[in-house]
PDB file of N, CA and C in Angstrom:
ATOM      1  N   MET A   1     -61.172-296.821-106.326  1.00  0.00           N
ATOM      2  CA  MET A   1     -62.641-296.827-106.430  1.00  0.00           C
ATOM      3  C   MET A   1     -63.197-297.733-105.339  1.00  0.00           C
ATOM      4  N   LYS A   2     -62.496-298.678-104.696  1.00  0.00           N
ATOM      5  CA  LYS A   2     -63.035-299.505-103.718  1.00  0.00           C
ATOM      6  C   LYS A   2     -63.566-298.835-102.497  1.00  0.00           C
ATOM      7  N   PRO A   3     -62.702-297.837-101.883  1.00  0.00           N
ATOM      8  CA  PRO A   3     -63.325-297.075-100.766  1.00  0.00           C
ATOM      9  C   PRO A   3     -64.574-296.253-101.191  1.00  0.00           C
ATOM     10  N   ILE A   4     -64.737-295.744-102.364  1.00  0.00           N
ATOM     11  CA  ILE A   4     -65.950-295.080-102.842  1.00  0.00           C
ATOM     12  C   ILE A   4     -67.098-295.961-102.917  1.00  0.00           C
ATOM     13  N   GLU A   5     -66.874-297.099-103.416  1.00  0.00           N
ATOM     14  CA  GLU A   5     -67.883-298.096-103.595  1.00  0.00           C
ATOM     15  C   GLU A   5     -68.313-298.606-102.097  1.00  0.00           C
ATOM     16  N   GLN A   6     -67.381-298.754-101.188  1.00  0.00           N
ATOM     17  CA  GLN A   6     -67.670-299.296 -99.893  1.00  0.00           C
ATOM     18  C   GLN A   6     -68.550-298.384 -99.152  1.00  0.00           C
ATOM     19  N   VAL A   7     -68.237-296.970 -99.285  1.00  0.00           N
ATOM     20  CA  VAL A   7     -68.955-295.984 -98.449  1.00  0.00           C
ATOM     21  C   VAL A   7     -70.392-295.850 -99.275  1.00  0.00           C
ATOM     22  N   THR A   8     -70.369-295.823-100.518  1.00  0.00           N
ATOM     23  CA  THR A   8     -71.526-295.732-101.264  1.00  0.00           C
ATOM     24  C   THR A   8     -72.748-296.820-100.953  1.00  0.00           C
ATOM     25  N   HIS A   9     -72.162-298.013-100.876  1.00  0.00           N
ATOM     26  CA  HIS A   9     -73.028-299.053-100.508  1.00  0.00           C
ATOM     27  C   HIS A   9     -73.584-299.212 -99.129  1.00  0.00           C
ATOM     28  N   ARG A  10     -72.693-298.488 -98.188  1.00  0.00           N
ATOM     29  CA  ARG A  10     -73.312-298.451 -96.822  1.00  0.00           C
ATOM     30  C   ARG A  10     -74.260-297.306 -96.700  1.00  0.00           C
ATOM     31  N   ILE A  11     -74.062-296.180 -97.311  1.00  0.00           N
ATOM     32  CA  ILE A  11     -74.904-294.944 -97.133  1.00  0.00           C
ATOM     33  C   ILE A  11     -76.147-295.073 -98.148  1.00  0.00           C
ATOM     34  N   TYR A  12     -75.807-295.583 -99.254  1.00  0.00           N
ATOM     35  CA  TYR A  12     -76.895-295.541-100.298  1.00  0.00           C
ATOM     36  C   TYR A  12     -77.044-297.153-100.817  1.00  0.00           C
ATOM     37  N   PRO A  13     -77.680-297.975-100.001  1.00  0.00           N
ATOM     38  CA  PRO A  13     -77.747-299.378-100.411  1.00  0.00           C
ATOM     39  C   PRO A  13     -78.455-299.593-101.832  1.00  0.00           C
ATOM     40  N   GLY A  14     -77.870-300.307-102.653  1.00  0.00           N
ATOM     41  CA  GLY A  14     -78.535-300.602-104.036  1.00  0.00           C
ATOM     42  C   GLY A  14     -78.031-299.674-105.069  1.00  0.00           C
ATOM     43  N   ILE A  15     -77.183-298.624-104.622  1.00  0.00           N
ATOM     44  CA  ILE A  15     -76.870-297.689-105.673  1.00  0.00           C
ATOM     45  C   ILE A  15     -75.274-298.235-106.145  1.00  0.00           C
ATOM     46  N   GLU A  16     -75.164-298.212-107.374  1.00  0.00           N
ATOM     47  CA  GLU A  16     -73.834-298.585-107.939  1.00  0.00           C
ATOM     48  C   GLU A  16     -73.104-297.365-108.466  1.00  0.00           C
ATOM     49  N   VAL A  17     -71.752-297.294-108.331  1.00  0.00           N
ATOM     50  CA  VAL A  17     -70.915-296.284-108.603  1.00  0.00           C
ATOM     51  C   VAL A  17     -70.604-296.297-110.063  1.00  0.00           C
ATOM     52  N   VAL A  18     -70.889-295.244-110.697  1.00  0.00           N
ATOM     53  CA  VAL A  18     -70.534-295.135-112.168  1.00  0.00           C
ATOM     54  C   VAL A  18     -69.768-293.896-112.473  1.00  0.00           C
ATOM     55  N   PRO A  19     -68.687-294.032-112.938  1.00  0.00           N
ATOM     56  CA  PRO A  19     -67.797-292.820-113.133  1.00  0.00           C
ATOM     57  C   PRO A  19     -68.405-292.102-114.354  1.00  0.00           C
ATOM     58  N   VAL A  20     -68.468-290.866-114.512  1.00  0.00           N
ATOM     59  CA  VAL A  20     -69.040-290.089-115.541  1.00  0.00           C
ATOM     60  C   VAL A  20     -68.013-288.778-115.591  1.00  0.00           C
ATOM     61  N   LEU A  21     -68.232-288.299-116.849  1.00  0.00           N
ATOM     62  CA  LEU A  21     -67.496-287.009-117.183  1.00  0.00           C
ATOM     63  C   LEU A  21     -68.497-285.822-116.971  1.00  0.00           C
ATOM     64  N   GLN A  22     -68.186-285.054-115.982  1.00  0.00           N
ATOM     65  CA  GLN A  22     -69.145-283.881-115.834  1.00  0.00           C
ATOM     66  C   GLN A  22     -68.488-282.587-116.417  1.00  0.00           C
ATOM     67  N   ALA A  23     -69.211-281.957-117.394  1.00  0.00           N
ATOM     68  CA  ALA A  23     -68.688-280.754-117.832  1.00  0.00           C
ATOM     69  C   ALA A  23     -68.782-279.606-116.823  1.00  0.00           C
ATOM     70  N   ALA A  24     -67.883-279.226-116.251  1.00  0.00           N
ATOM     71  CA  ALA A  24     -67.871-278.122-115.190  1.00  0.00           C
ATOM     72  C   ALA A  24     -66.522-277.574-114.972  1.00  0.00           C
ATOM     73  N   GLY A  25     -66.371-276.432-114.450  1.00  0.00           N
ATOM     74  CA  GLY A  25     -65.031-275.863-114.227  1.00  0.00           C
ATOM     75  C   GLY A  25     -64.681-276.233-112.815  1.00  0.00           C
ATOM     76  N   THR A  26     -63.417-276.506-112.540  1.00  0.00           N
ATOM     77  CA  THR A  26     -62.993-276.830-111.334  1.00  0.00           C
ATOM     78  C   THR A  26     -61.526-276.298-111.146  1.00  0.00           C
ATOM     79  N   ASP A  27     -60.979-276.416-109.987  1.00  0.00           N
ATOM     80  CA  ASP A  27     -59.537-276.149-109.721  1.00  0.00           C
ATOM     81  C   ASP A  27     -58.729-277.324-110.196  1.00  0.00           C
ATOM     82  N   ALA A  28     -59.353-278.415-110.684  1.00  0.00           N
ATOM     83  CA  ALA A  28     -58.592-279.673-111.054  1.00  0.00           C
ATOM     84  C   ALA A  28     -57.692-279.266-112.348  1.00  0.00           C
ATOM     85  N   VAL A  29     -58.043-278.222-113.007  1.00  0.00           N
ATOM     86  CA  VAL A  29     -57.106-277.995-114.216  1.00  0.00           C
ATOM     87  C   VAL A  29     -55.735-277.788-113.785  1.00  0.00           C
ATOM     88  N   TYR A  30     -55.540-277.184-112.632  1.00  0.00           N
ATOM     89  CA  TYR A  30     -54.145-276.865-112.354  1.00  0.00           C
ATOM     90  C   TYR A  30     -53.473-278.062-111.920  1.00  0.00           C
ATOM     91  N   PHE A  31     -54.119-278.926-111.160  1.00  0.00           N
ATOM     92  CA  PHE A  31     -53.519-280.246-110.797  1.00  0.00           C
ATOM     93  C   PHE A  31     -53.082-281.104-112.111  1.00  0.00           C
ATOM     94  N   SER A  32     -54.046-281.156-113.040  1.00  0.00           N
ATOM     95  CA  SER A  32     -53.958-281.954-114.265  1.00  0.00           C
ATOM     96  C   SER A  32     -52.760-281.341-114.983  1.00  0.00           C
ATOM     97  N   GLU A  33     -52.584-280.135-115.036  1.00  0.00           N
ATOM     98  CA  GLU A  33     -51.543-279.538-115.831  1.00  0.00           C
ATOM     99  C   GLU A  33     -50.090-279.977-115.279  1.00  0.00           C
ATOM    100  N   SER A  34     -50.179-280.266-113.945  1.00  0.00           N
ATOM    101  CA  SER A  34     -48.979-280.592-113.207  1.00  0.00           C
ATOM    102  C   SER A  34     -48.885-282.164-113.160  1.00  0.00           C
ATOM    103  N   GLY A  35     -49.632-282.874-113.836  1.00  0.00           N
ATOM    104  CA  GLY A  35     -49.638-284.296-113.839  1.00  0.00           C
ATOM    105  C   GLY A  35     -50.185-285.066-112.878  1.00  0.00           C
ATOM    106  N   ILE A  36     -50.911-284.349-111.900  1.00  0.00           N
ATOM    107  CA  ILE A  36     -51.702-285.083-110.830  1.00  0.00           C
ATOM    108  C   ILE A  36     -52.997-285.406-111.185  1.00  0.00           C
ATOM    109  N   PRO A  37     -53.354-286.631-111.234  1.00  0.00           N
ATOM    110  CA  PRO A  37     -54.727-287.021-111.600  1.00  0.00           C
ATOM    111  C   PRO A  37     -55.787-286.593-110.559  1.00  0.00           C
ATOM    112  N   THR A  38     -56.762-285.939-110.898  1.00  0.00           N
ATOM    113  CA  THR A  38     -57.701-285.275-109.996  1.00  0.00           C
ATOM    114  C   THR A  38     -59.162-285.664-110.320  1.00  0.00           C
ATOM    115  N   TYR A  39     -59.934-286.131-109.399  1.00  0.00           N
ATOM    116  CA  TYR A  39     -61.267-286.559-109.521  1.00  0.00           C
ATOM    117  C   TYR A  39     -62.070-285.961-108.505  1.00  0.00           C
ATOM    118  N   GLY A  40     -63.417-285.728-108.859  1.00  0.00           N
ATOM    119  CA  GLY A  40     -64.375-285.215-107.918  1.00  0.00           C
ATOM    120  C   GLY A  40     -65.460-286.112-107.536  1.00  0.00           C
ATOM    121  N   ILE A  41     -65.991-285.899-106.306  1.00  0.00           N
ATOM    122  CA  ILE A  41     -67.043-286.803-105.850  1.00  0.00           C
ATOM    123  C   ILE A  41     -67.768-285.848-104.883  1.00  0.00           C
ATOM    124  N   SER A  42     -69.138-285.975-104.745  1.00  0.00           N
ATOM    125  CA  SER A  42     -69.858-285.189-103.740  1.00  0.00           C
ATOM    126  C   SER A  42     -70.610-286.192-102.861  1.00  0.00           C
ATOM    127  N   GLY A  43     -71.195-287.063-103.417  1.00  0.00           N
ATOM    128  CA  GLY A  43     -71.973-288.004-102.365  1.00  0.00           C
ATOM    129  C   GLY A  43     -73.294-287.461-102.201  1.00  0.00           C
ATOM    130  N   MET A  44     -73.771-286.528-102.990  1.00  0.00           N
ATOM    131  CA  MET A  44     -74.994-285.862-102.824  1.00  0.00           C
ATOM    132  C   MET A  44     -75.897-285.928-104.027  1.00  0.00           C
ATOM    133  N   PHE A  45     -77.162-286.212-103.827  1.00  0.00           N
ATOM    134  CA  PHE A  45     -78.057-286.314-104.914  1.00  0.00           C
ATOM    135  C   PHE A  45     -78.850-284.995-105.058  1.00  0.00           C
ATOM    136  N   VAL A  46     -79.076-284.661-106.248  1.00  0.00           N
ATOM    137  CA  VAL A  46     -79.895-283.422-106.591  1.00  0.00           C
ATOM    138  C   VAL A  46     -81.113-283.754-107.400  1.00  0.00           C
ATOM    139  N   ASP A  47     -82.112-282.942-107.405  1.00  0.00           N
ATOM    140  CA  ASP A  47     -83.299-283.169-108.176  1.00  0.00           C
ATOM    141  C   ASP A  47     -83.055-283.249-109.634  1.00  0.00           C
ATOM    142  N   PRO A  48     -83.805-283.832-110.344  1.00  0.00           N
ATOM    143  CA  PRO A  48     -83.549-283.969-111.806  1.00  0.00           C
ATOM    144  C   PRO A  48     -83.391-282.538-112.443  1.00  0.00           C
ATOM    145  N   ASP A  49     -83.893-281.490-112.033  1.00  0.00           N
ATOM    146  CA  ASP A  49     -83.628-280.249-112.706  1.00  0.00           C
ATOM    147  C   ASP A  49     -82.413-279.806-112.315  1.00  0.00           C
ATOM    148  N   LEU A  50     -81.414-280.443-111.592  1.00  0.00           N
ATOM    149  CA  LEU A  50     -80.206-280.113-111.032  1.00  0.00           C
ATOM    150  C   LEU A  50     -80.204-279.065-109.998  1.00  0.00           C
ATOM    151  N   GLY A  51     -81.482-278.965-109.372  1.00  0.00           N
ATOM    152  CA  GLY A  51     -81.425-277.900-108.242  1.00  0.00           C
ATOM    153  C   GLY A  51     -81.159-276.392-108.718  1.00  0.00           C
ATOM    154  N   ASN A  52     -81.296-276.102-109.994  1.00  0.00           N
ATOM    155  CA  ASN A  52     -81.140-274.610-110.403  1.00  0.00           C
ATOM    156  C   ASN A  52     -79.776-274.308-110.068  1.00  0.00           C
ATOM    157  N   VAL A  53     -78.800-275.248-110.417  1.00  0.00           N
ATOM    158  CA  VAL A  53     -77.314-275.033-110.123  1.00  0.00           C
ATOM    159  C   VAL A  53     -76.807-273.684-110.474  1.00  0.00           C
ATOM    160  N   HIS A  54     -76.129-272.927-109.499  1.00  0.00           N
ATOM    161  CA  HIS A  54     -75.755-271.678-109.569  1.00  0.00           C
ATOM    162  C   HIS A  54     -76.671-270.540-109.865  1.00  0.00           C
ATOM    163  N   GLY A  55     -77.898-270.801-109.791  1.00  0.00           N
ATOM    164  CA  GLY A  55     -79.006-269.857-109.931  1.00  0.00           C
ATOM    165  C   GLY A  55     -79.247-269.160-108.681  1.00  0.00           C
ATOM    166  N   LEU A  56     -80.081-268.106-108.803  1.00  0.00           N
ATOM    167  CA  LEU A  56     -80.476-267.478-107.415  1.00  0.00           C
ATOM    168  C   LEU A  56     -81.307-268.286-106.558  1.00  0.00           C
ATOM    169  N   ASN A  57     -81.919-269.366-107.202  1.00  0.00           N
ATOM    170  CA  ASN A  57     -82.722-270.181-106.245  1.00  0.00           C
ATOM    171  C   ASN A  57     -82.082-271.533-106.222  1.00  0.00           C
ATOM    172  N   GLU A  58     -80.732-271.594-106.189  1.00  0.00           N
ATOM    173  CA  GLU A  58     -80.069-272.968-106.065  1.00  0.00           C
ATOM    174  C   GLU A  58     -80.548-273.682-104.635  1.00  0.00           C
ATOM    175  N   ARG A  59     -80.570-274.940-104.932  1.00  0.00           N
ATOM    176  CA  ARG A  59     -81.119-275.706-103.677  1.00  0.00           C
ATOM    177  C   ARG A  59     -80.645-277.053-103.524  1.00  0.00           C
ATOM    178  N   ILE A  60     -80.674-277.771-102.628  1.00  0.00           N
ATOM    179  CA  ILE A  60     -80.505-279.081-102.352  1.00  0.00           C
ATOM    180  C   ILE A  60     -81.328-279.577-101.298  1.00  0.00           C
ATOM    181  N   ARG A  61     -81.777-280.832-101.268  1.00  0.00           N
ATOM    182  CA  ARG A  61     -82.736-281.321-100.383  1.00  0.00           C
ATOM    183  C   ARG A  61     -81.794-281.475 -98.866  1.00  0.00           C
ATOM    184  N   VAL A  62     -82.523-281.158 -97.810  1.00  0.00           N
ATOM    185  CA  VAL A  62     -81.762-281.191 -96.489  1.00  0.00           C
ATOM    186  C   VAL A  62     -81.259-282.691 -96.147  1.00  0.00           C
ATOM    187  N   GLN A  63     -81.961-283.624 -96.542  1.00  0.00           N
ATOM    188  CA  GLN A  63     -81.541-285.045 -96.302  1.00  0.00           C
ATOM    189  C   GLN A  63     -80.199-285.280 -97.176  1.00  0.00           C
ATOM    190  N   SER A  64     -80.322-284.886 -98.490  1.00  0.00           N
ATOM    191  CA  SER A  64     -79.206-284.981 -99.255  1.00  0.00           C
ATOM    192  C   SER A  64     -77.956-284.266 -98.752  1.00  0.00           C
ATOM    193  N   LEU A  65     -78.087-283.186 -98.107  1.00  0.00           N
ATOM    194  CA  LEU A  65     -76.975-282.474 -97.505  1.00  0.00           C
ATOM    195  C   LEU A  65     -76.304-283.201 -96.412  1.00  0.00           C
ATOM    196  N   TYR A  66     -77.262-283.829 -95.623  1.00  0.00           N
ATOM    197  CA  TYR A  66     -76.648-284.675 -94.357  1.00  0.00           C
ATOM    198  C   TYR A  66     -76.132-285.820 -94.908  1.00  0.00           C
ATOM    199  N   ASP A  67     -76.659-286.513 -95.862  1.00  0.00           N
ATOM    200  CA  ASP A  67     -76.149-287.817 -96.385  1.00  0.00           C
ATOM    201  C   ASP A  67     -74.791-287.552 -97.024  1.00  0.00           C
ATOM    202  N   GLY A  68     -74.599-286.444 -97.846  1.00  0.00           N
ATOM    203  CA  GLY A  68     -73.442-286.120 -98.440  1.00  0.00           C
ATOM    204  C   GLY A  68     -72.412-285.723 -97.437  1.00  0.00           C
ATOM    205  N   ARG A  69     -72.722-285.116 -96.359  1.00  0.00           N
ATOM    206  CA  ARG A  69     -71.788-284.839 -95.363  1.00  0.00           C
ATOM    207  C   ARG A  69     -71.353-286.262 -94.707  1.00  0.00           C
ATOM    208  N   ASP A  70     -72.122-286.982 -94.419  1.00  0.00           N
ATOM    209  CA  ASP A  70     -71.681-288.403 -93.795  1.00  0.00           C
ATOM    210  C   ASP A  70     -70.860-289.212 -94.915  1.00  0.00           C
ATOM    211  N   PHE A  71     -71.273-289.078 -96.120  1.00  0.00           N
ATOM    212  CA  PHE A  71     -70.576-289.726 -97.194  1.00  0.00           C
ATOM    213  C   PHE A  71     -69.053-289.185 -97.251  1.00  0.00           C
ATOM    214  N   LEU A  72     -68.956-287.928 -97.355  1.00  0.00           N
ATOM    215  CA  LEU A  72     -67.538-287.380 -97.529  1.00  0.00           C
ATOM    216  C   LEU A  72     -66.798-287.646 -96.205  1.00  0.00           C
ATOM    217  N   PHE A  73     -67.400-287.514 -94.977  1.00  0.00           N
ATOM    218  CA  PHE A  73     -66.653-287.713 -93.835  1.00  0.00           C
ATOM    219  C   PHE A  73     -66.111-289.163 -93.791  1.00  0.00           C
ATOM    220  N   SER A  74     -67.030-290.240 -93.972  1.00  0.00           N
ATOM    221  CA  SER A  74     -66.641-291.510 -94.059  1.00  0.00           C
ATOM    222  C   SER A  74     -65.548-291.838 -95.158  1.00  0.00           C
ATOM    223  N   LEU A  75     -65.709-291.155 -96.165  1.00  0.00           N
ATOM    224  CA  LEU A  75     -64.736-291.523 -97.289  1.00  0.00           C
ATOM    225  C   LEU A  75     -63.281-290.879 -97.001  1.00  0.00           C
ATOM    226  N   VAL A  76     -63.296-289.733 -96.420  1.00  0.00           N
ATOM    227  CA  VAL A  76     -61.862-289.176 -96.026  1.00  0.00           C
ATOM    228  C   VAL A  76     -61.376-289.875 -94.949  1.00  0.00           C
ATOM    229  N   LYS A  77     -62.203-290.276 -93.907  1.00  0.00           N
ATOM    230  CA  LYS A  77     -61.700-291.106 -92.813  1.00  0.00           C
ATOM    231  C   LYS A  77     -61.127-292.516 -93.497  1.00  0.00           C
ATOM    232  N   LEU A  78     -61.907-293.202 -94.273  1.00  0.00           N
ATOM    233  CA  LEU A  78     -61.491-294.337 -94.816  1.00  0.00           C
ATOM    234  C   LEU A  78     -60.104-294.183 -95.668  1.00  0.00           C
ATOM    235  N   TYR A  79     -59.979-293.136 -96.410  1.00  0.00           N
ATOM    236  CA  TYR A  79     -58.712-293.024 -97.083  1.00  0.00           C
ATOM    237  C   TYR A  79     -57.666-292.633 -96.188  1.00  0.00           C
ATOM    238  N   ALA A  80     -57.894-291.835 -95.066  1.00  0.00           N
ATOM    239  CA  ALA A  80     -56.865-291.466 -94.034  1.00  0.00           C
ATOM    240  C   ALA A  80     -56.342-292.840 -93.391  1.00  0.00           C
ATOM    241  N   GLU A  81     -57.151-293.680 -93.235  1.00  0.00           N
ATOM    242  CA  GLU A  81     -56.826-294.994 -92.518  1.00  0.00           C
ATOM    243  C   GLU A  81     -55.780-295.818 -93.383  1.00  0.00           C
ATOM    244  N   HIS A  82     -55.940-295.687 -94.679  1.00  0.00           N
ATOM    245  CA  HIS A  82     -55.203-296.437 -95.532  1.00  0.00           C
ATOM    246  C   HIS A  82     -53.667-295.856 -95.735  1.00  0.00           C
ATOM    247  N   VAL A  83     -53.696-294.496 -95.136  1.00  0.00           N
ATOM    248  CA  VAL A  83     -52.396-293.851 -95.517  1.00  0.00           C
ATOM    249  C   VAL A  83     -51.323-294.129 -94.373  1.00  0.00           C
ATOM    250  N   ARG A  84     -51.918-294.343 -93.204  1.00  0.00           N
ATOM    251  CA  ARG A  84     -51.047-294.603 -91.995  1.00  0.00           C
ATOM    252  C   ARG A  84     -49.913-295.731 -92.276  1.00  0.00           C
TER     253      ARG A  84
END
């Protein structure tokens, strides 16, 4: 959680990281069945109506897309530095 919190506080000052269970289907089911803990994170915010997720008019704000890209890039880079 520390790298996630570090990147979150840099890109989204004042926002706290709170783990939640999101009811959705992912490929994580295959990893979990194999005993590999699997977590998801996006780093993007959506509108309160969830951006019409998976509808014909699904959307995300442009700034949220760019912030999410920067968030995920920074997070992967931070984790990669710890692997060396």
